[in-house]
């Protein structure tokens, strides 16, 4: 069974400004309200399908904070139109969510 979650939020800026945030992993903390997304391991901007970028992450279960890294495999890249990535354990294959 596939579960899909979607959300929609009008943003009063041009597509280029939104795209600039999406392709820059250093800006991804701005997209994350959960506080789990940290800083990127490298400074590379996202630019193509197959690219892998690694992020510092954290998980707070209410008792302790676990810090870890995740690899993210770019699966869709249409400049200023569409971008997607799948999360994986560092060095592993994608875990199945985009």
PDB file of N, CA and C in Angstrom:
ATOM      1  N   UNK A   1       0.843  -1.176   0.000  1.00  0.00           N
ATOM      2  CA  UNK A   1       0.000   0.000   0.000  1.00  0.00           C
ATOM      3  C   UNK A   1       0.890   1.240   0.000  1.00  0.00           C
ATOM      4  N   UNK A   2       0.552   2.203  -0.823  1.00  0.00           N
ATOM      5  CA  UNK A   2       1.287   3.454  -0.896  1.00  0.00           C
ATOM      6  C   UNK A   2       0.498   4.533  -0.178  1.00  0.00           C
ATOM      7  N   UNK A   3       1.165   5.260   0.693  1.00  0.00           N
ATOM      8  CA  UNK A   3       0.559   6.385   1.382  1.00  0.00           C
ATOM      9  C   UNK A   3       1.156   7.660   0.817  1.00  0.00           C
ATOM     10  N   UNK A   4       0.325   8.608   0.482  1.00  0.00           N
ATOM     11  CA  UNK A   4       0.777   9.877  -0.066  1.00  0.00           C
ATOM     12  C   UNK A   4       0.254  10.990   0.820  1.00  0.00           C
ATOM     13  N   UNK A   5       1.156  11.880   1.220  1.00  0.00           N
ATOM     14  CA  UNK A   5       0.778  13.069   1.983  1.00  0.00           C
ATOM     15  C   UNK A   5       1.104  14.274   1.119  1.00  0.00           C
ATOM     16  N   UNK A   6       0.186  15.195   1.008  1.00  0.00           N
ATOM     17  CA  UNK A   6       0.432  16.406   0.244  1.00  0.00           C
ATOM     18  C   UNK A   6      -0.019  17.609   1.052  1.00  0.00           C
ATOM     19  N   UNK A   7       0.552  18.734   0.707  1.00  0.00           N
ATOM     20  CA  UNK A   7       0.154  19.998   1.323  1.00  0.00           C
ATOM     21  C   UNK A   7       0.310  21.082   0.268  1.00  0.00           C
ATOM     22  N   UNK A   8      -0.428  22.147   0.442  1.00  0.00           N
ATOM     23  CA  UNK A   8      -0.352  23.245  -0.502  1.00  0.00           C
ATOM     24  C   UNK A   8      -0.305  24.542   0.278  1.00  0.00           C
ATOM     25  N   UNK A   9       0.606  25.421  -0.123  1.00  0.00           N
ATOM     26  CA  UNK A   9       0.742  26.706   0.552  1.00  0.00           C
ATOM     27  C   UNK A   9       1.190  27.746  -0.467  1.00  0.00           C
ATOM     28  N   UNK A  10       0.340  28.703  -0.790  1.00  0.00           N
ATOM     29  CA  UNK A  10       0.762  29.770  -1.702  1.00  0.00           C
ATOM     30  C   UNK A  10       1.895  30.580  -1.057  1.00  0.00           C
ATOM     31  N   UNK A  11       2.941  30.838  -1.837  1.00  0.00           N
ATOM     32  CA  UNK A  11       4.085  31.598  -1.340  1.00  0.00           C
ATOM     33  C   UNK A  11       4.233  32.827  -2.234  1.00  0.00           C
ATOM     34  N   UNK A  12       4.200  34.026  -1.638  1.00  0.00           N
ATOM     35  CA  UNK A  12       4.184  35.249  -2.445  1.00  0.00           C
ATOM     36  C   UNK A  12       5.570  35.686  -2.959  1.00  0.00           C
ATOM     37  N   UNK A  13       6.288  34.754  -3.583  1.00  0.00           N
ATOM     38  CA  UNK A  13       7.565  35.078  -4.229  1.00  0.00           C
ATOM     39  C   UNK A  13       7.606  34.338  -5.555  1.00  0.00           C
ATOM     40  N   UNK A  14       8.555  34.707  -6.396  1.00  0.00           N
ATOM     41  CA  UNK A  14       8.679  34.058  -7.693  1.00  0.00           C
ATOM     42  C   UNK A  14       9.232  32.645  -7.585  1.00  0.00           C
ATOM     43  N   UNK A  15       8.990  31.865  -8.627  1.00  0.00           N
ATOM     44  CA  UNK A  15       9.461  30.474  -8.665  1.00  0.00           C
ATOM     45  C   UNK A  15      10.978  30.386  -8.516  1.00  0.00           C
ATOM     46  N   UNK A  16      11.696  31.341  -9.054  1.00  0.00           N
ATOM     47  CA  UNK A  16      13.161  31.325  -8.954  1.00  0.00           C
ATOM     48  C   UNK A  16      13.643  31.394  -7.512  1.00  0.00           C
ATOM     49  N   UNK A  17      12.971  32.165  -6.686  1.00  0.00           N
ATOM     50  CA  UNK A  17      13.354  32.274  -5.271  1.00  0.00           C
ATOM     51  C   UNK A  17      13.086  30.963  -4.534  1.00  0.00           C
ATOM     52  N   UNK A  18      11.986  30.324  -4.858  1.00  0.00           N
ATOM     53  CA  UNK A  18      11.663  29.036  -4.233  1.00  0.00           C
ATOM     54  C   UNK A  18      12.668  27.980  -4.685  1.00  0.00           C
ATOM     55  N   UNK A  19      12.956  27.950  -5.988  1.00  0.00           N
ATOM     56  CA  UNK A  19      13.903  26.983  -6.536  1.00  0.00           C
ATOM     57  C   UNK A  19      15.273  27.140  -5.869  1.00  0.00           C
ATOM     58  N   UNK A  20      15.703  28.373  -5.635  1.00  0.00           N
ATOM     59  CA  UNK A  20      17.008  28.625  -5.014  1.00  0.00           C
ATOM     60  C   UNK A  20      17.105  27.984  -3.632  1.00  0.00           C
ATOM     61  N   UNK A  21      16.015  27.941  -2.889  1.00  0.00           N
ATOM     62  CA  UNK A  21      15.995  27.288  -1.571  1.00  0.00           C
ATOM     63  C   UNK A  21      16.028  25.772  -1.731  1.00  0.00           C
ATOM     64  N   UNK A  22      15.240  25.246  -2.668  1.00  0.00           N
ATOM     65  CA  UNK A  22      15.147  23.797  -2.841  1.00  0.00           C
ATOM     66  C   UNK A  22      16.461  23.166  -3.304  1.00  0.00           C
ATOM     67  N   UNK A  23      17.220  23.847  -4.153  1.00  0.00           N
ATOM     68  CA  UNK A  23      18.467  23.257  -4.665  1.00  0.00           C
ATOM     69  C   UNK A  23      19.661  23.500  -3.750  1.00  0.00           C
ATOM     70  N   UNK A  24      19.466  24.219  -2.664  1.00  0.00           N
ATOM     71  CA  UNK A  24      20.556  24.517  -1.731  1.00  0.00           C
ATOM     72  C   UNK A  24      20.318  23.802  -0.401  1.00  0.00           C
ATOM     73  N   UNK A  25      20.957  22.642  -0.189  1.00  0.00           N
ATOM     74  CA  UNK A  25      20.740  21.910   1.059  1.00  0.00           C
ATOM     75  C   UNK A  25      20.994  22.748   2.315  1.00  0.00           C
ATOM     76  N   UNK A  26      21.823  23.771   2.229  1.00  0.00           N
ATOM     77  CA  UNK A  26      22.068  24.637   3.390  1.00  0.00           C
ATOM     78  C   UNK A  26      20.806  25.404   3.786  1.00  0.00           C
ATOM     79  N   UNK A  27      19.844  25.501   2.877  1.00  0.00           N
ATOM     80  CA  UNK A  27      18.591  26.210   3.150  1.00  0.00           C
ATOM     81  C   UNK A  27      17.457  25.282   3.592  1.00  0.00           C
ATOM     82  N   UNK A  28      17.693  23.962   3.589  1.00  0.00           N
ATOM     83  CA  UNK A  28      16.610  23.019   3.873  1.00  0.00           C
ATOM     84  C   UNK A  28      16.061  23.126   5.295  1.00  0.00           C
ATOM     85  N   UNK A  29      16.841  23.660   6.228  1.00  0.00           N
ATOM     86  CA  UNK A  29      16.306  23.858   7.578  1.00  0.00           C
ATOM     87  C   UNK A  29      15.125  24.830   7.552  1.00  0.00           C
ATOM     88  N   UNK A  30      15.091  25.713   6.558  1.00  0.00           N
ATOM     89  CA  UNK A  30      13.988  26.668   6.430  1.00  0.00           C
ATOM     90  C   UNK A  30      12.680  25.974   6.051  1.00  0.00           C
ATOM     91  N   UNK A  31      12.778  24.759   5.506  1.00  0.00           N
ATOM     92  CA  UNK A  31      11.599  24.016   5.064  1.00  0.00           C
ATOM     93  C   UNK A  31      11.091  23.049   6.115  1.00  0.00           C
ATOM     94  N   UNK A  32      11.857  22.849   7.181  1.00  0.00           N
ATOM     95  CA  UNK A  32      11.580  21.790   8.153  1.00  0.00           C
ATOM     96  C   UNK A  32      11.065  22.357   9.459  1.00  0.00           C
ATOM     97  N   UNK A  33       9.793  22.152   9.741  1.00  0.00           N
ATOM     98  CA  UNK A  33       9.216  22.637  10.986  1.00  0.00           C
ATOM     99  C   UNK A  33       9.442  21.670  12.144  1.00  0.00           C
ATOM    100  N   UNK A  34       9.932  20.454  11.842  1.00  0.00           N
ATOM    101  CA  UNK A  34      10.127  19.452  12.902  1.00  0.00           C
ATOM    102  C   UNK A  34      11.428  19.641  13.670  1.00  0.00           C
ATOM    103  N   UNK A  35      12.378  20.373  13.089  1.00  0.00           N
ATOM    104  CA  UNK A  35      13.659  20.572  13.742  1.00  0.00           C
ATOM    105  C   UNK A  35      14.629  19.419  13.564  1.00  0.00           C
ATOM    106  N   UNK A  36      14.306  18.466  12.698  1.00  0.00           N
ATOM    107  CA  UNK A  36      15.185  17.304  12.518  1.00  0.00           C
ATOM    108  C   UNK A  36      16.264  17.528  11.469  1.00  0.00           C
ATOM    109  N   UNK A  37      16.041  18.442  10.529  1.00  0.00           N
ATOM    110  CA  UNK A  37      17.004  18.677   9.454  1.00  0.00           C
ATOM    111  C   UNK A  37      18.083  19.636   9.937  1.00  0.00           C
ATOM    112  N   UNK A  38      19.327  19.208   9.787  1.00  0.00           N
ATOM    113  CA  UNK A  38      20.465  20.031  10.186  1.00  0.00           C
ATOM    114  C   UNK A  38      21.185  20.602   8.978  1.00  0.00           C
ATOM    115  N   UNK A  39      22.463  20.753   9.115  1.00  0.00           N
ATOM    116  CA  UNK A  39      23.286  21.333   8.064  1.00  0.00           C
ATOM    117  C   UNK A  39      23.740  20.264   7.075  1.00  0.00           C
ATOM    118  N   UNK A  40      24.036  20.665   5.841  1.00  0.00           N
ATOM    119  CA  UNK A  40      24.553  19.705   4.876  1.00  0.00           C
ATOM    120  C   UNK A  40      26.019  19.388   5.177  1.00  0.00           C
ATOM    121  N   UNK A  41      26.451  18.216   4.740  1.00  0.00           N
ATOM    122  CA  UNK A  41      27.846  17.813   4.922  1.00  0.00           C
ATOM    123  C   UNK A  41      28.730  18.506   3.893  1.00  0.00           C
ATOM    124  N   UNK A  42      28.198  18.790   2.687  1.00  0.00           N
ATOM    125  CA  UNK A  42      28.954  19.506   1.657  1.00  0.00           C
ATOM    126  C   UNK A  42      28.201  20.769   1.271  1.00  0.00           C
ATOM    127  N   UNK A  43      28.859  21.611   0.489  1.00  0.00           N
ATOM    128  CA  UNK A  43      28.260  22.875   0.059  1.00  0.00           C
ATOM    129  C   UNK A  43      27.690  22.828  -1.352  1.00  0.00           C
ATOM    130  N   UNK A  44      27.631  21.644  -1.972  1.00  0.00           N
ATOM    131  CA  UNK A  44      27.188  21.537  -3.356  1.00  0.00           C
ATOM    132  C   UNK A  44      25.700  21.838  -3.505  1.00  0.00           C
ATOM    133  N   UNK A  45      25.364  22.608  -4.535  1.00  0.00           N
ATOM    134  CA  UNK A  45      23.971  22.821  -4.889  1.00  0.00           C
ATOM    135  C   UNK A  45      23.477  21.591  -5.651  1.00  0.00           C
ATOM    136  N   UNK A  46      22.208  21.308  -5.563  1.00  0.00           N
ATOM    137  CA  UNK A  46      21.640  20.178  -6.289  1.00  0.00           C
ATOM    138  C   UNK A  46      21.523  20.562  -7.759  1.00  0.00           C
ATOM    139  N   UNK A  47      21.914  19.617  -8.646  1.00  0.00           N
ATOM    140  CA  UNK A  47      21.992  19.985 -10.060  1.00  0.00           C
ATOM    141  C   UNK A  47      21.583  18.897 -11.035  1.00  0.00           C
ATOM    142  N   UNK A  48      21.359  17.639 -10.565  1.00  0.00           N
ATOM    143  CA  UNK A  48      21.048  16.583 -11.527  1.00  0.00           C
ATOM    144  C   UNK A  48      20.507  15.331 -10.834  1.00  0.00           C
ATOM    145  N   UNK A  49      19.785  14.531 -11.608  1.00  0.00           N
ATOM    146  CA  UNK A  49      19.307  13.236 -11.132  1.00  0.00           C
ATOM    147  C   UNK A  49      20.521  12.363 -10.849  1.00  0.00           C
ATOM    148  N   UNK A  50      20.459  11.590  -9.775  1.00  0.00           N
ATOM    149  CA  UNK A  50      21.555  10.708  -9.392  1.00  0.00           C
ATOM    150  C   UNK A  50      22.507  11.316  -8.380  1.00  0.00           C
ATOM    151  N   UNK A  51      22.440  12.614  -8.198  1.00  0.00           N
ATOM    152  CA  UNK A  51      23.285  13.277  -7.203  1.00  0.00           C
ATOM    153  C   UNK A  51      22.877  12.816  -5.810  1.00  0.00           C
ATOM    154  N   UNK A  52      23.837  12.651  -4.937  1.00  0.00           N
ATOM    155  CA  UNK A  52      23.570  12.279  -3.546  1.00  0.00           C
ATOM    156  C   UNK A  52      24.117  13.388  -2.659  1.00  0.00           C
ATOM    157  N   UNK A  53      23.281  13.887  -1.763  1.00  0.00           N
ATOM    158  CA  UNK A  53      23.745  14.877  -0.792  1.00  0.00           C
ATOM    159  C   UNK A  53      23.471  14.346   0.609  1.00  0.00           C
ATOM    160  N   UNK A  54      24.395  14.616   1.506  1.00  0.00           N
ATOM    161  CA  UNK A  54      24.323  14.096   2.873  1.00  0.00           C
ATOM    162  C   UNK A  54      24.000  15.234   3.828  1.00  0.00           C
ATOM    163  N   UNK A  55      23.064  14.963   4.734  1.00  0.00           N
ATOM    164  CA  UNK A  55      22.630  15.967   5.705  1.00  0.00           C
ATOM    165  C   UNK A  55      22.864  15.471   7.124  1.00  0.00           C
ATOM    166  N   UNK A  56      23.260  16.393   8.001  1.00  0.00           N
ATOM    167  CA  UNK A  56      23.274  16.127   9.435  1.00  0.00           C
ATOM    168  C   UNK A  56      21.828  16.201   9.908  1.00  0.00           C
ATOM    169  N   UNK A  57      21.423  15.259  10.725  1.00  0.00           N
ATOM    170  CA  UNK A  57      20.045  15.163  11.180  1.00  0.00           C
ATOM    171  C   UNK A  57      20.027  14.947  12.700  1.00  0.00           C
ATOM    172  N   UNK A  58      18.862  15.110  13.303  1.00  0.00           N
ATOM    173  CA  UNK A  58      18.703  14.787  14.723  1.00  0.00           C
ATOM    174  C   UNK A  58      17.278  14.317  14.965  1.00  0.00           C
ATOM    175  N   UNK A  59      17.131  13.500  15.975  1.00  0.00           N
ATOM    176  CA  UNK A  59      15.814  12.994  16.371  1.00  0.00           C
ATOM    177  C   UNK A  59      15.710  13.115  17.876  1.00  0.00           C
ATOM    178  N   UNK A  60      14.675  13.776  18.351  1.00  0.00           N
ATOM    179  CA  UNK A  60      14.434  13.952  19.775  1.00  0.00           C
ATOM    180  C   UNK A  60      13.204  13.141  20.140  1.00  0.00           C
ATOM    181  N   UNK A  61      13.405  12.068  20.913  1.00  0.00           N
ATOM    182  CA  UNK A  61      12.268  11.225  21.300  1.00  0.00           C
ATOM    183  C   UNK A  61      11.638  11.668  22.619  1.00  0.00           C
ATOM    184  N   UNK A  62      12.072  12.819  23.123  1.00  0.00           N
ATOM    185  CA  UNK A  62      11.547  13.326  24.386  1.00  0.00           C
ATOM    186  C   UNK A  62      12.418  12.966  25.568  1.00  0.00           C
ATOM    187  N   UNK A  63      13.279  11.972  25.390  1.00  0.00           N
ATOM    188  CA  UNK A  63      14.194  11.543  26.443  1.00  0.00           C
ATOM    189  C   UNK A  63      15.641  11.879  26.083  1.00  0.00           C
ATOM    190  N   UNK A  64      15.982  11.635  24.818  1.00  0.00           N
ATOM    191  CA  UNK A  64      17.334  11.930  24.367  1.00  0.00           C
ATOM    192  C   UNK A  64      17.314  12.367  22.911  1.00  0.00           C
ATOM    193  N   UNK A  65      18.367  13.056  22.511  1.00  0.00           N
ATOM    194  CA  UNK A  65      18.511  13.503  21.131  1.00  0.00           C
ATOM    195  C   UNK A  65      19.543  12.608  20.449  1.00  0.00           C
ATOM    196  N   UNK A  66      19.152  12.014  19.339  1.00  0.00           N
ATOM    197  CA  UNK A  66      20.045  11.183  18.547  1.00  0.00           C
ATOM    198  C   UNK A  66      20.468  11.972  17.322  1.00  0.00           C
ATOM    199  N   UNK A  67      21.763  12.069  17.094  1.00  0.00           N
ATOM    200  CA  UNK A  67      22.286  12.768  15.917  1.00  0.00           C
ATOM    201  C   UNK A  67      22.787  11.717  14.929  1.00  0.00           C
ATOM    202  N   UNK A  68      22.491  11.929  13.664  1.00  0.00           N
ATOM    203  CA  UNK A  68      22.879  10.988  12.627  1.00  0.00           C
ATOM    204  C   UNK A  68      22.984  11.730  11.300  1.00  0.00           C
ATOM    205  N   UNK A  69      23.357  11.035  10.255  1.00  0.00           N
ATOM    206  CA  UNK A  69      23.413  11.602   8.913  1.00  0.00           C
ATOM    207  C   UNK A  69      22.519  10.788   7.993  1.00  0.00           C
ATOM    208  N   UNK A  70      21.994  11.441   6.983  1.00  0.00           N
ATOM    209  CA  UNK A  70      21.220  10.736   5.961  1.00  0.00           C
ATOM    210  C   UNK A  70      21.738  11.124   4.582  1.00  0.00           C
ATOM    211  N   UNK A  71      21.783  10.131   3.694  1.00  0.00           N
ATOM    212  CA  UNK A  71      22.063  10.387   2.285  1.00  0.00           C
ATOM    213  C   UNK A  71      20.730  10.636   1.606  1.00  0.00           C
ATOM    214  N   UNK A  72      20.728  11.512   0.639  1.00  0.00           N
ATOM    215  CA  UNK A  72      19.513  11.846  -0.095  1.00  0.00           C
ATOM    216  C   UNK A  72      19.829  11.770  -1.581  1.00  0.00           C
ATOM    217  N   UNK A  73      19.136  10.879  -2.276  1.00  0.00           N
ATOM    218  CA  UNK A  73      19.387  10.605  -3.693  1.00  0.00           C
ATOM    219  C   UNK A  73      18.393  11.400  -4.537  1.00  0.00           C
ATOM    220  N   UNK A  74      18.903  12.323  -5.368  1.00  0.00           N
ATOM    221  CA  UNK A  74      18.032  13.128  -6.227  1.00  0.00           C
ATOM    222  C   UNK A  74      17.427  12.217  -7.296  1.00  0.00           C
ATOM    223  N   UNK A  75      16.094  12.175  -7.356  1.00  0.00           N
ATOM    224  CA  UNK A  75      15.376  11.288  -8.281  1.00  0.00           C
ATOM    225  C   UNK A  75      14.619  12.036  -9.374  1.00  0.00           C
ATOM    226  N   UNK A  76      14.360  13.308  -9.166  1.00  0.00           N
ATOM    227  CA  UNK A  76      13.686  14.152 -10.158  1.00  0.00           C
ATOM    228  C   UNK A  76      14.426  15.481 -10.173  1.00  0.00           C
ATOM    229  N   UNK A  77      14.734  15.979 -11.356  1.00  0.00           N
ATOM    230  CA  UNK A  77      15.361  17.295 -11.455  1.00  0.00           C
ATOM    231  C   UNK A  77      14.994  17.921 -12.790  1.00  0.00           C
ATOM    232  N   UNK A  78      14.028  18.828 -12.751  1.00  0.00           N
ATOM    233  CA  UNK A  78      13.633  19.611 -13.911  1.00  0.00           C
ATOM    234  C   UNK A  78      13.801  21.062 -13.468  1.00  0.00           C
ATOM    235  N   UNK A  79      14.848  21.752 -13.941  1.00  0.00           N
ATOM    236  CA  UNK A  79      15.164  23.092 -13.434  1.00  0.00           C
ATOM    237  C   UNK A  79      13.960  24.024 -13.341  1.00  0.00           C
ATOM    238  N   UNK A  80      13.845  24.616 -12.169  1.00  0.00           N
ATOM    239  CA  UNK A  80      12.791  25.577 -11.814  1.00  0.00           C
ATOM    240  C   UNK A  80      11.382  25.030 -12.018  1.00  0.00           C
ATOM    241  N   UNK A  81      11.247  23.681 -11.989  1.00  0.00           N
ATOM    242  CA  UNK A  81       9.938  23.078 -12.185  1.00  0.00           C
ATOM    243  C   UNK A  81       9.635  21.976 -11.174  1.00  0.00           C
ATOM    244  N   UNK A  82      10.585  21.032 -11.020  1.00  0.00           N
ATOM    245  CA  UNK A  82      10.317  19.873 -10.170  1.00  0.00           C
ATOM    246  C   UNK A  82      11.620  19.285  -9.643  1.00  0.00           C
ATOM    247  N   UNK A  83      11.598  18.908  -8.350  1.00  0.00           N
ATOM    248  CA  UNK A  83      12.760  18.288  -7.725  1.00  0.00           C
ATOM    249  C   UNK A  83      12.253  17.314  -6.664  1.00  0.00           C
ATOM    250  N   UNK A  84      12.950  16.195  -6.533  1.00  0.00           N
ATOM    251  CA  UNK A  84      12.596  15.214  -5.499  1.00  0.00           C
ATOM    252  C   UNK A  84      13.845  14.428  -5.140  1.00  0.00           C
ATOM    253  N   UNK A  85      13.849  13.883  -3.915  1.00  0.00           N
ATOM    254  CA  UNK A  85      14.939  13.017  -3.488  1.00  0.00           C
ATOM    255  C   UNK A  85      14.399  11.956  -2.551  1.00  0.00           C
ATOM    256  N   UNK A  86      15.141  10.848  -2.488  1.00  0.00           N
ATOM    257  CA  UNK A  86      14.786   9.740  -1.597  1.00  0.00           C
ATOM    258  C   UNK A  86      15.857   9.630  -0.522  1.00  0.00           C
ATOM    259  N   UNK A  87      15.431   9.450   0.709  1.00  0.00           N
ATOM    260  CA  UNK A  87      16.328   9.358   1.851  1.00  0.00           C
ATOM    261  C   UNK A  87      16.859   7.945   2.028  1.00  0.00           C
ATOM    262  N   UNK A  88      18.121   7.871   2.487  1.00  0.00           N
ATOM    263  CA  UNK A  88      18.774   6.583   2.735  1.00  0.00           C
ATOM    264  C   UNK A  88      19.691   6.717   3.946  1.00  0.00           C
ATOM    265  N   UNK A  89      20.011   5.593   4.540  1.00  0.00           N
ATOM    266  CA  UNK A  89      21.076   5.579   5.539  1.00  0.00           C
ATOM    267  C   UNK A  89      22.377   5.862   4.778  1.00  0.00           C
ATOM    268  N   UNK A  90      23.340   6.492   5.428  1.00  0.00           N
ATOM    269  CA  UNK A  90      24.587   6.838   4.762  1.00  0.00           C
ATOM    270  C   UNK A  90      25.216   5.594   4.131  1.00  0.00           C
ATOM    271  N   UNK A  91      25.489   5.674   2.835  1.00  0.00           N
ATOM    272  CA  UNK A  91      26.088   4.580   2.104  1.00  0.00           C
ATOM    273  C   UNK A  91      25.110   3.507   1.671  1.00  0.00           C
ATOM    274  N   UNK A  92      23.829   3.664   2.039  1.00  0.00           N
ATOM    275  CA  UNK A  92      22.835   2.646   1.733  1.00  0.00           C
ATOM    276  C   UNK A  92      21.933   3.026   0.575  1.00  0.00           C
ATOM    277  N   UNK A  93      21.015   2.130   0.298  1.00  0.00           N
ATOM    278  CA  UNK A  93      20.026   2.357  -0.742  1.00  0.00           C
ATOM    279  C   UNK A  93      18.861   3.151  -0.175  1.00  0.00           C
ATOM    280  N   UNK A  94      18.142   3.880  -1.042  1.00  0.00           N
ATOM    281  CA  UNK A  94      16.971   4.627  -0.561  1.00  0.00           C
ATOM    282  C   UNK A  94      16.000   3.732   0.208  1.00  0.00           C
ATOM    283  N   UNK A  95      15.380   4.331   1.223  1.00  0.00           N
ATOM    284  CA  UNK A  95      14.504   3.580   2.124  1.00  0.00           C
ATOM    285  C   UNK A  95      13.062   3.496   1.650  1.00  0.00           C
ATOM    286  N   UNK A  96      12.721   4.203   0.571  1.00  0.00           N
ATOM    287  CA  UNK A  96      11.386   4.044   0.020  1.00  0.00           C
ATOM    288  C   UNK A  96      10.473   5.249   0.138  1.00  0.00           C
ATOM    289  N   UNK A  97      10.935   6.328   0.712  1.00  0.00           N
ATOM    290  CA  UNK A  97      10.073   7.518   0.726  1.00  0.00           C
ATOM    291  C   UNK A  97      10.781   8.663   0.033  1.00  0.00           C
ATOM    292  N   UNK A  98       9.957   9.516  -0.616  1.00  0.00           N
ATOM    293  CA  UNK A  98      10.465  10.623  -1.417  1.00  0.00           C
ATOM    294  C   UNK A  98      10.071  11.927  -0.776  1.00  0.00           C
TER     295      UNK A  98
END
